[in-house]
Amino acid sequence: MSTVGRPPGRGTKGGPRRPSLRLERELQRAGHPVLAGMDEVGRGALAGPVTVGVVVIDEASRTAPAGVRDSKLLTPRAREQMAPRLRRWARGWAVGHAGADEIDAIGIMAALRLAGTRALARLDVRPDLVILDGNHDWLTDPEQVGLFAGLDERPAPPPVRTMIKADMRCSSVAAASVLAKVSRDSLMVGYAQEHPQYAWAENKGYSAEAHLAALAAHGPCRAHRRSWALPGTGTGIDRGADRGAGPESRSGSSAVRTEDRAAETTQEVR
């Protein structure tokens, strides 16, 4: 079950407030002492995994490190410098990935949940509630009940509170977005060493001009989401479509090599 929250009011000068623990403290007073902020990165990329970060705080958690923001508002250098401070601040944290082949097999929304479930499974504490950025609870979508049957290392997620712009309002969610972004960027830089033609060290698998030109010239590789309509390749289906998990949903050669898959599903955890 989830509820949708509206973001708090704007700052005194008309701009958005900086992330704070305001909502987290309200939820703790309402009976949820251990909270997790969760956010995803990589949903719109053409290649590489979708990545979900989770950051846990409790009633003893102090104000987040100065400068924490939604990852999109920070430079790569600022994110790298911020990440160790966020890891020390958090009561617990983890990052989960779902690889390109998994996105091809089950669709982007189910892959988001898979990555989020993997991140939660790596925590050493179970949160009472998850604050999820956005207005859609992709972590516990009732249409996907039973998808993870038999995966006993992935317990059912806690209740979810969705909130529009939570990554800009809630310190725990902003922190999760930074850790997810740093982790995924590192993976894409590693992939760039094997596939330098796509310039992933710079574009991280998104549809930048250099990436699109390389797709047109060389076609997709193992780390591309081949079920998507990759520009200039004639592959896939409409971008972002959420597909079922049956064999009919797999595109010809979507499997990623064993070592690629291992890298994409490696979990980071404190």
C-alpha atoms as a PDB file:
ATOM      1  CA  MET A   1       0.000   0.000   0.000  1.00  0.00           C
ATOM      2  CA  SER A   2       1.249   3.454  -0.786  1.00  0.00           C
ATOM      3  CA  THR A   3       0.127   7.013  -0.391  1.00  0.00           C
ATOM      4  CA  VAL A   4       1.087   9.981  -2.508  1.00  0.00           C
ATOM      5  CA  GLY A   5       2.457  13.060  -0.800  1.00  0.00           C
ATOM      6  CA  ARG A   6       2.677  16.534  -2.211  1.00  0.00           C
ATOM      7  CA  PRO A   7       5.950  18.358  -1.717  1.00  0.00           C
ATOM      8  CA  PRO A   8       6.173  21.022   0.985  1.00  0.00           C
ATOM      9  CA  GLY A   9       5.905  24.683   0.118  1.00  0.00           C
ATOM     10  CA  ARG A  10       8.574  26.681  -1.633  1.00  0.00           C
ATOM     11  CA  GLY A  11      11.423  28.536  -0.018  1.00  0.00           C
ATOM     12  CA  THR A  12      11.199  32.067   1.213  1.00  0.00           C
ATOM     13  CA  LYS A  13      12.622  33.467  -2.029  1.00  0.00           C
ATOM     14  CA  GLY A  14      10.319  31.508  -4.297  1.00  0.00           C
ATOM     15  CA  GLY A  15      12.745  28.667  -5.035  1.00  0.00           C
ATOM     16  CA  PRO A  16      12.377  25.077  -3.916  1.00  0.00           C
ATOM     17  CA  ARG A  17      13.480  24.174  -0.426  1.00  0.00           C
ATOM     18  CA  ARG A  18      16.688  22.257  -0.001  1.00  0.00           C
ATOM     19  CA  PRO A  19      16.291  18.640   1.090  1.00  0.00           C
ATOM     20  CA  SER A  20      15.627  18.238   4.792  1.00  0.00           C
ATOM     21  CA  LEU A  21      14.384  15.629   7.264  1.00  0.00           C
ATOM     22  CA  ARG A  22      11.049  17.403   7.696  1.00  0.00           C
ATOM     23  CA  LEU A  23       8.921  14.638   6.162  1.00  0.00           C
ATOM     24  CA  GLU A  24      11.048  11.913   7.717  1.00  0.00           C
ATOM     25  CA  ARG A  25      10.519  13.372  11.189  1.00  0.00           C
ATOM     26  CA  GLU A  26       6.772  13.632  10.608  1.00  0.00           C
ATOM     27  CA  LEU A  27       6.638   9.975   9.580  1.00  0.00           C
ATOM     28  CA  GLN A  28       8.733   8.944  12.567  1.00  0.00           C
ATOM     29  CA  ARG A  29       6.345  10.727  14.914  1.00  0.00           C
ATOM     30  CA  ALA A  30       3.504   8.888  13.162  1.00  0.00           C
ATOM     31  CA  GLY A  31       4.972   5.522  14.149  1.00  0.00           C
ATOM     32  CA  HIS A  32       7.658   4.712  11.560  1.00  0.00           C
ATOM     33  CA  PRO A  33      10.942   5.126  13.452  1.00  0.00           C
ATOM     34  CA  VAL A  34      13.175   3.461  10.842  1.00  0.00           C
ATOM     35  CA  LEU A  35      12.743   4.997   7.387  1.00  0.00           C
ATOM     36  CA  ALA A  36      14.299   4.385   3.990  1.00  0.00           C
ATOM     37  CA  GLY A  37      14.605   6.892   1.172  1.00  0.00           C
ATOM     38  CA  MET A  38      14.727   5.277  -2.279  1.00  0.00           C
ATOM     39  CA  ASP A  39      15.408   6.590  -5.770  1.00  0.00           C
ATOM     40  CA  GLU A  40      16.363   5.214  -9.185  1.00  0.00           C
ATOM     41  CA  VAL A  41      18.732   6.258 -11.934  1.00  0.00           C
ATOM     42  CA  GLY A  42      19.132   4.971 -15.467  1.00  0.00           C
ATOM     43  CA  ARG A  43      15.472   4.458 -16.298  1.00  0.00           C
ATOM     44  CA  GLY A  44      15.731   6.404 -19.555  1.00  0.00           C
ATOM     45  CA  ALA A  45      19.154   5.215 -20.673  1.00  0.00           C
ATOM     46  CA  LEU A  46      19.618   3.172 -23.851  1.00  0.00           C
ATOM     47  CA  ALA A  47      22.298   0.948 -22.348  1.00  0.00           C
ATOM     48  CA  GLY A  48      23.411  -0.429 -19.023  1.00  0.00           C
ATOM     49  CA  PRO A  49      21.447  -1.241 -15.895  1.00  0.00           C
ATOM     50  CA  VAL A  50      18.724   0.560 -14.061  1.00  0.00           C
ATOM     51  CA  THR A  51      19.989   1.259 -10.554  1.00  0.00           C
ATOM     52  CA  VAL A  52      18.155   1.847  -7.279  1.00  0.00           C
ATOM     53  CA  GLY A  53      19.688   3.354  -4.163  1.00  0.00           C
ATOM     54  CA  VAL A  54      18.277   3.106  -0.655  1.00  0.00           C
ATOM     55  CA  VAL A  55      19.351   5.070   2.430  1.00  0.00           C
ATOM     56  CA  VAL A  56      18.059   4.247   5.913  1.00  0.00           C
ATOM     57  CA  ILE A  57      17.753   6.707   8.786  1.00  0.00           C
ATOM     58  CA  ASP A  58      16.370   6.355  12.296  1.00  0.00           C
ATOM     59  CA  GLU A  59      15.364   8.702  15.090  1.00  0.00           C
ATOM     60  CA  ALA A  60      18.993   9.152  16.111  1.00  0.00           C
ATOM     61  CA  SER A  61      20.031  10.318  12.633  1.00  0.00           C
ATOM     62  CA  ARG A  62      21.254  13.880  12.529  1.00  0.00           C
ATOM     63  CA  THR A  63      20.843  16.437   9.755  1.00  0.00           C
ATOM     64  CA  ALA A  64      22.245  15.204   6.448  1.00  0.00           C
ATOM     65  CA  PRO A  65      25.683  16.390   5.321  1.00  0.00           C
ATOM     66  CA  ALA A  66      25.688  19.935   3.970  1.00  0.00           C
ATOM     67  CA  GLY A  67      25.237  20.151   0.230  1.00  0.00           C
ATOM     68  CA  VAL A  68      23.191  16.997  -0.288  1.00  0.00           C
ATOM     69  CA  ARG A  69      20.922  17.405  -3.317  1.00  0.00           C
ATOM     70  CA  ASP A  70      19.129  15.351  -5.907  1.00  0.00           C
ATOM     71  CA  SER A  71      21.954  13.774  -7.911  1.00  0.00           C
ATOM     72  CA  LYS A  72      20.884  15.572 -11.104  1.00  0.00           C
ATOM     73  CA  LEU A  73      21.692  18.914  -9.465  1.00  0.00           C
ATOM     74  CA  LEU A  74      25.270  17.961  -8.561  1.00  0.00           C
ATOM     75  CA  THR A  75      28.323  17.735 -10.772  1.00  0.00           C
ATOM     76  CA  PRO A  76      30.049  14.338 -11.096  1.00  0.00           C
ATOM     77  CA  ARG A  77      32.885  15.568  -8.890  1.00  0.00           C
ATOM     78  CA  ALA A  78      30.468  16.849  -6.248  1.00  0.00           C
ATOM     79  CA  ARG A  79      28.653  13.496  -6.220  1.00  0.00           C
ATOM     80  CA  GLU A  80      31.916  11.584  -5.805  1.00  0.00           C
ATOM     81  CA  GLN A  81      32.936  13.817  -2.915  1.00  0.00           C
ATOM     82  CA  MET A  82      29.502  13.625  -1.304  1.00  0.00           C
ATOM     83  CA  ALA A  83      29.073   9.829  -1.476  1.00  0.00           C
ATOM     84  CA  PRO A  84      31.478   8.814   1.356  1.00  0.00           C
ATOM     85  CA  ARG A  85      29.903  11.376   3.677  1.00  0.00           C
ATOM     86  CA  LEU A  86      26.429  10.053   2.916  1.00  0.00           C
ATOM     87  CA  ARG A  87      27.515   6.467   3.566  1.00  0.00           C
ATOM     88  CA  ARG A  88      28.880   7.457   6.971  1.00  0.00           C
ATOM     89  CA  TRP A  89      25.747   9.457   7.788  1.00  0.00           C
ATOM     90  CA  ALA A  90      23.226   6.755   6.896  1.00  0.00           C
ATOM     91  CA  ARG A  91      22.019   4.152   9.394  1.00  0.00           C
ATOM     92  CA  GLY A  92      22.290   1.767   6.449  1.00  0.00           C
ATOM     93  CA  TRP A  93      22.564   1.987   2.675  1.00  0.00           C
ATOM     94  CA  ALA A  94      22.630  -0.254  -0.368  1.00  0.00           C
ATOM     95  CA  VAL A  95      22.476  -0.144  -4.150  1.00  0.00           C
ATOM     96  CA  GLY A  96      20.835  -2.692  -6.458  1.00  0.00           C
ATOM     97  CA  HIS A  97      21.013  -3.096 -10.235  1.00  0.00           C
ATOM     98  CA  ALA A  98      18.906  -4.800 -12.901  1.00  0.00           C
ATOM     99  CA  GLY A  99      20.846  -5.404 -16.103  1.00  0.00           C
ATOM    100  CA  ALA A 100      19.946  -4.651 -19.697  1.00  0.00           C
ATOM    101  CA  ASP A 101      19.047  -8.285 -20.364  1.00  0.00           C
ATOM    102  CA  GLU A 102      16.672  -8.259 -17.394  1.00  0.00           C
ATOM    103  CA  ILE A 103      15.048  -5.058 -18.640  1.00  0.00           C
ATOM    104  CA  ASP A 104      14.579  -6.760 -22.013  1.00  0.00           C
ATOM    105  CA  ALA A 105      13.055  -9.818 -20.350  1.00  0.00           C
ATOM    106  CA  ILE A 106      10.607  -8.274 -17.889  1.00  0.00           C
ATOM    107  CA  GLY A 107      10.226  -4.594 -18.837  1.00  0.00           C
ATOM    108  CA  ILE A 108      11.510  -1.442 -17.235  1.00  0.00           C
ATOM    109  CA  MET A 109       8.968  -1.155 -14.405  1.00  0.00           C
ATOM    110  CA  ALA A 110       9.469  -4.722 -13.210  1.00  0.00           C
ATOM    111  CA  ALA A 111      13.224  -4.214 -13.545  1.00  0.00           C
ATOM    112  CA  LEU A 112      12.984  -1.162 -11.296  1.00  0.00           C
ATOM    113  CA  ARG A 113      11.271  -3.266  -8.676  1.00  0.00           C
ATOM    114  CA  LEU A 114      13.841  -6.017  -9.077  1.00  0.00           C
ATOM    115  CA  ALA A 115      16.685  -3.549  -8.510  1.00  0.00           C
ATOM    116  CA  GLY A 116      14.871  -2.000  -5.543  1.00  0.00           C
ATOM    117  CA  THR A 117      14.182  -5.399  -4.019  1.00  0.00           C
ATOM    118  CA  ARG A 118      17.839  -6.328  -4.414  1.00  0.00           C
ATOM    119  CA  ALA A 119      18.888  -3.136  -2.653  1.00  0.00           C
ATOM    120  CA  LEU A 120      16.489  -3.748   0.247  1.00  0.00           C
ATOM    121  CA  ALA A 121      17.700  -7.331   0.590  1.00  0.00           C
ATOM    122  CA  ARG A 122      21.248  -6.086   1.169  1.00  0.00           C
ATOM    123  CA  LEU A 123      20.357  -3.892   4.141  1.00  0.00           C
ATOM    124  CA  ASP A 124      21.202  -5.036   7.660  1.00  0.00           C
ATOM    125  CA  VAL A 125      18.052  -3.370   9.011  1.00  0.00           C
ATOM    126  CA  ARG A 126      14.471  -3.557   7.770  1.00  0.00           C
ATOM    127  CA  PRO A 127      12.846  -0.133   7.405  1.00  0.00           C
ATOM    128  CA  ASP A 128       9.316   0.437   8.661  1.00  0.00           C
ATOM    129  CA  LEU A 129       8.465   2.528   5.592  1.00  0.00           C
ATOM    130  CA  VAL A 130      10.039   3.438   2.251  1.00  0.00           C
ATOM    131  CA  ILE A 131       9.800   6.982   0.869  1.00  0.00           C
ATOM    132  CA  LEU A 132       9.799   6.603  -2.909  1.00  0.00           C
ATOM    133  CA  ASP A 133      10.361   9.443  -5.339  1.00  0.00           C
ATOM    134  CA  GLY A 134       7.518  10.052  -7.799  1.00  0.00           C
ATOM    135  CA  ASN A 135       3.799   9.313  -7.849  1.00  0.00           C
ATOM    136  CA  HIS A 136       3.935   5.629  -8.819  1.00  0.00           C
ATOM    137  CA  ASP A 137       4.786   2.813  -6.433  1.00  0.00           C
ATOM    138  CA  TRP A 138       6.858   0.609  -8.726  1.00  0.00           C
ATOM    139  CA  LEU A 139       8.323  -1.201  -5.720  1.00  0.00           C
ATOM    140  CA  THR A 140       5.086  -2.989  -4.752  1.00  0.00           C
ATOM    141  CA  ASP A 141       2.978  -2.795  -7.914  1.00  0.00           C
ATOM    142  CA  PRO A 142       0.010  -5.173  -7.316  1.00  0.00           C
ATOM    143  CA  GLU A 143      -0.002  -6.131 -11.001  1.00  0.00           C
ATOM    144  CA  GLN A 144       3.327  -7.856 -10.469  1.00  0.00           C
ATOM    145  CA  VAL A 145       2.401 -10.014  -7.468  1.00  0.00           C
ATOM    146  CA  GLY A 146       4.262 -13.307  -7.596  1.00  0.00           C
ATOM    147  CA  LEU A 147       6.977 -12.120  -9.968  1.00  0.00           C
ATOM    148  CA  PHE A 148       9.684 -12.888  -7.419  1.00  0.00           C
ATOM    149  CA  ALA A 149       8.195 -16.139  -6.135  1.00  0.00           C
ATOM    150  CA  GLY A 150      10.922 -18.483  -4.965  1.00  0.00           C
ATOM    151  CA  LEU A 151      13.562 -15.775  -4.598  1.00  0.00           C
ATOM    152  CA  ASP A 152      13.783 -16.197  -0.845  1.00  0.00           C
ATOM    153  CA  GLU A 153      16.635 -13.735  -0.412  1.00  0.00           C
ATOM    154  CA  ARG A 154      14.295 -10.919  -1.496  1.00  0.00           C
ATOM    155  CA  PRO A 155      11.621 -10.406   1.164  1.00  0.00           C
ATOM    156  CA  ALA A 156       8.464  -8.457   0.431  1.00  0.00           C
ATOM    157  CA  PRO A 157       9.191  -4.729   0.628  1.00  0.00           C
ATOM    158  CA  PRO A 158       7.938  -2.559   3.488  1.00  0.00           C
ATOM    159  CA  PRO A 159       5.001  -0.193   2.999  1.00  0.00           C
ATOM    160  CA  VAL A 160       5.708   2.645   0.575  1.00  0.00           C
ATOM    161  CA  ARG A 161       4.981   6.366   0.731  1.00  0.00           C
ATOM    162  CA  THR A 162       5.334   7.963  -2.701  1.00  0.00           C
ATOM    163  CA  MET A 163       6.100  11.648  -2.960  1.00  0.00           C
ATOM    164  CA  ILE A 164       6.455  13.888  -5.982  1.00  0.00           C
ATOM    165  CA  LYS A 165       9.921  15.485  -6.073  1.00  0.00           C
ATOM    166  CA  ALA A 166      10.981  13.575  -2.977  1.00  0.00           C
ATOM    167  CA  ASP A 167      14.544  13.613  -4.294  1.00  0.00           C
ATOM    168  CA  MET A 168      14.478  17.414  -3.984  1.00  0.00           C
ATOM    169  CA  ARG A 169      12.624  17.542  -0.656  1.00  0.00           C
ATOM    170  CA  CYS A 170      13.734  14.616   1.514  1.00  0.00           C
ATOM    171  CA  SER A 171      17.340  14.201   2.603  1.00  0.00           C
ATOM    172  CA  SER A 172      17.119  10.414   2.687  1.00  0.00           C
ATOM    173  CA  VAL A 173      15.817  10.232  -0.897  1.00  0.00           C
ATOM    174  CA  ALA A 174      18.338  12.781  -2.177  1.00  0.00           C
ATOM    175  CA  ALA A 175      21.105  10.745  -0.552  1.00  0.00           C
ATOM    176  CA  ALA A 176      19.801   7.566  -2.180  1.00  0.00           C
ATOM    177  CA  SER A 177      19.803   9.251  -5.580  1.00  0.00           C
ATOM    178  CA  VAL A 178      23.440  10.317  -5.170  1.00  0.00           C
ATOM    179  CA  LEU A 179      24.625   6.843  -4.139  1.00  0.00           C
ATOM    180  CA  ALA A 180      22.701   5.224  -6.994  1.00  0.00           C
ATOM    181  CA  LYS A 181      24.112   7.678  -9.527  1.00  0.00           C
ATOM    182  CA  VAL A 182      27.716   7.257  -8.352  1.00  0.00           C
ATOM    183  CA  SER A 183      27.382   3.475  -8.496  1.00  0.00           C
ATOM    184  CA  ARG A 184      25.797   3.350 -11.947  1.00  0.00           C
ATOM    185  CA  ASP A 185      28.214   5.898 -13.390  1.00  0.00           C
ATOM    186  CA  SER A 186      31.113   3.762 -12.196  1.00  0.00           C
ATOM    187  CA  LEU A 187      29.664   0.719 -13.956  1.00  0.00           C
ATOM    188  CA  MET A 188      29.214   2.640 -17.195  1.00  0.00           C
ATOM    189  CA  VAL A 189      32.794   3.938 -17.088  1.00  0.00           C
ATOM    190  CA  GLY A 190      33.886   0.322 -16.746  1.00  0.00           C
ATOM    191  CA  TYR A 191      31.754  -0.738 -19.713  1.00  0.00           C
ATOM    192  CA  ALA A 192      33.289   2.097 -21.735  1.00  0.00           C
ATOM    193  CA  GLN A 193      36.670   0.408 -21.511  1.00  0.00           C
ATOM    194  CA  GLU A 194      35.265  -2.618 -23.327  1.00  0.00           C
ATOM    195  CA  HIS A 195      33.057  -0.633 -25.715  1.00  0.00           C
ATOM    196  CA  PRO A 196      34.841   2.722 -26.212  1.00  0.00           C
ATOM    197  CA  GLN A 197      32.971   3.555 -29.423  1.00  0.00           C
ATOM    198  CA  TYR A 198      29.809   4.523 -27.503  1.00  0.00           C
ATOM    199  CA  ALA A 199      31.510   7.163 -25.293  1.00  0.00           C
ATOM    200  CA  TRP A 200      29.798   5.799 -22.178  1.00  0.00           C
ATOM    201  CA  ALA A 201      32.398   7.335 -19.893  1.00  0.00           C
ATOM    202  CA  GLU A 202      30.825  10.670 -20.818  1.00  0.00           C
ATOM    203  CA  ASN A 203      27.170   9.909 -21.624  1.00  0.00           C
ATOM    204  CA  LYS A 204      26.610   6.967 -19.232  1.00  0.00           C
ATOM    205  CA  GLY A 205      24.424   5.167 -21.769  1.00  0.00           C
ATOM    206  CA  TYR A 206      21.956   7.992 -22.382  1.00  0.00           C
ATOM    207  CA  SER A 207      20.991   9.267 -25.839  1.00  0.00           C
ATOM    208  CA  ALA A 208      23.792  11.788 -26.319  1.00  0.00           C
ATOM    209  CA  GLU A 209      24.847  12.667 -29.857  1.00  0.00           C
ATOM    210  CA  ALA A 210      28.059  10.606 -29.728  1.00  0.00           C
ATOM    211  CA  HIS A 211      26.155   7.571 -28.455  1.00  0.00           C
ATOM    212  CA  LEU A 212      23.508   7.819 -31.176  1.00  0.00           C
ATOM    213  CA  ALA A 213      26.160   8.215 -33.866  1.00  0.00           C
ATOM    214  CA  ALA A 214      27.965   5.113 -32.612  1.00  0.00           C
ATOM    215  CA  LEU A 215      24.716   3.142 -32.584  1.00  0.00           C
ATOM    216  CA  ALA A 216      24.105   4.079 -36.207  1.00  0.00           C
ATOM    217  CA  ALA A 217      27.670   3.170 -37.193  1.00  0.00           C
ATOM    218  CA  HIS A 218      28.254   0.030 -35.120  1.00  0.00           C
ATOM    219  CA  GLY A 219      24.841  -1.180 -33.977  1.00  0.00           C
ATOM    220  CA  PRO A 220      24.033  -2.259 -30.406  1.00  0.00           C
ATOM    221  CA  CYS A 221      26.235  -4.385 -28.159  1.00  0.00           C
ATOM    222  CA  ARG A 222      25.430  -6.766 -25.311  1.00  0.00           C
ATOM    223  CA  ALA A 223      24.885  -3.985 -22.787  1.00  0.00           C
ATOM    224  CA  HIS A 224      22.215  -2.207 -24.868  1.00  0.00           C
ATOM    225  CA  ARG A 225      18.522  -2.586 -24.123  1.00  0.00           C
ATOM    226  CA  ARG A 226      17.696  -4.402 -27.331  1.00  0.00           C
ATOM    227  CA  SER A 227      13.962  -4.559 -26.651  1.00  0.00           C
ATOM    228  CA  TRP A 228      13.873  -0.763 -26.918  1.00  0.00           C
ATOM    229  CA  ALA A 229      13.608   1.183 -30.156  1.00  0.00           C
ATOM    230  CA  LEU A 230      17.289   2.084 -30.316  1.00  0.00           C
ATOM    231  CA  PRO A 231      17.697   5.032 -32.721  1.00  0.00           C
ATOM    232  CA  GLY A 232      19.182   4.131 -36.069  1.00  0.00           C
ATOM    233  CA  THR A 233      19.161   0.375 -35.485  1.00  0.00           C
ATOM    234  CA  GLY A 234      15.631  -0.800 -36.293  1.00  0.00           C
ATOM    235  CA  THR A 235      15.597  -2.889 -33.112  1.00  0.00           C
ATOM    236  CA  GLY A 236      13.146  -3.305 -30.286  1.00  0.00           C
ATOM    237  CA  ILE A 237       9.756  -1.909 -29.418  1.00  0.00           C
ATOM    238  CA  ASP A 238       8.557   1.462 -28.190  1.00  0.00           C
ATOM    239  CA  ARG A 239      10.855   2.899 -25.546  1.00  0.00           C
ATOM    240  CA  GLY A 240       9.825   2.369 -21.963  1.00  0.00           C
ATOM    241  CA  ALA A 241       7.183  -0.263 -22.682  1.00  0.00           C
ATOM    242  CA  ASP A 242       6.598  -2.543 -19.726  1.00  0.00           C
ATOM    243  CA  ARG A 243       6.542  -6.078 -21.008  1.00  0.00           C
ATOM    244  CA  GLY A 244       5.744  -9.444 -19.587  1.00  0.00           C
ATOM    245  CA  ALA A 245       8.367 -11.968 -18.563  1.00  0.00           C
ATOM    246  CA  GLY A 246       7.544 -14.757 -20.994  1.00  0.00           C
ATOM    247  CA  PRO A 247       9.830 -16.075 -23.731  1.00  0.00           C
ATOM    248  CA  GLU A 248       7.894 -14.111 -26.322  1.00  0.00           C
ATOM    249  CA  SER A 249       9.114 -10.893 -24.725  1.00  0.00           C
ATOM    250  CA  ARG A 250      12.791 -11.621 -25.268  1.00  0.00           C
ATOM    251  CA  SER A 251      14.524 -10.158 -28.287  1.00  0.00           C
ATOM    252  CA  GLY A 252      16.870 -12.366 -30.248  1.00  0.00           C
ATOM    253  CA  SER A 253      20.301 -11.813 -28.732  1.00  0.00           C
ATOM    254  CA  SER A 254      19.570  -9.889 -25.549  1.00  0.00           C
ATOM    255  CA  ALA A 255      21.638 -11.977 -23.170  1.00  0.00           C
ATOM    256  CA  VAL A 256      24.586 -10.235 -21.562  1.00  0.00           C
ATOM    257  CA  ARG A 257      27.800 -12.178 -21.054  1.00  0.00           C
ATOM    258  CA  THR A 258      28.236 -13.787 -17.662  1.00  0.00           C
ATOM    259  CA  GLU A 259      30.881 -11.322 -16.549  1.00  0.00           C
ATOM    260  CA  ASP A 260      28.767  -8.363 -17.736  1.00  0.00           C
ATOM    261  CA  ARG A 261      25.735  -9.683 -15.887  1.00  0.00           C
ATOM    262  CA  ALA A 262      27.763 -10.188 -12.734  1.00  0.00           C
ATOM    263  CA  ALA A 263      28.961  -6.612 -12.877  1.00  0.00           C
ATOM    264  CA  GLU A 264      25.444  -5.272 -13.442  1.00  0.00           C
ATOM    265  CA  THR A 265      23.949  -7.201 -10.536  1.00  0.00           C
ATOM    266  CA  THR A 266      26.772  -6.589  -8.061  1.00  0.00           C
ATOM    267  CA  GLN A 267      25.302  -5.125  -4.892  1.00  0.00           C
ATOM    268  CA  GLU A 268      26.916  -2.350  -2.880  1.00  0.00           C
ATOM    269  CA  VAL A 269      26.071  -2.379   0.781  1.00  0.00           C
ATOM    270  CA  ARG A 270      27.058  -0.992   4.091  1.00  0.00           C
END
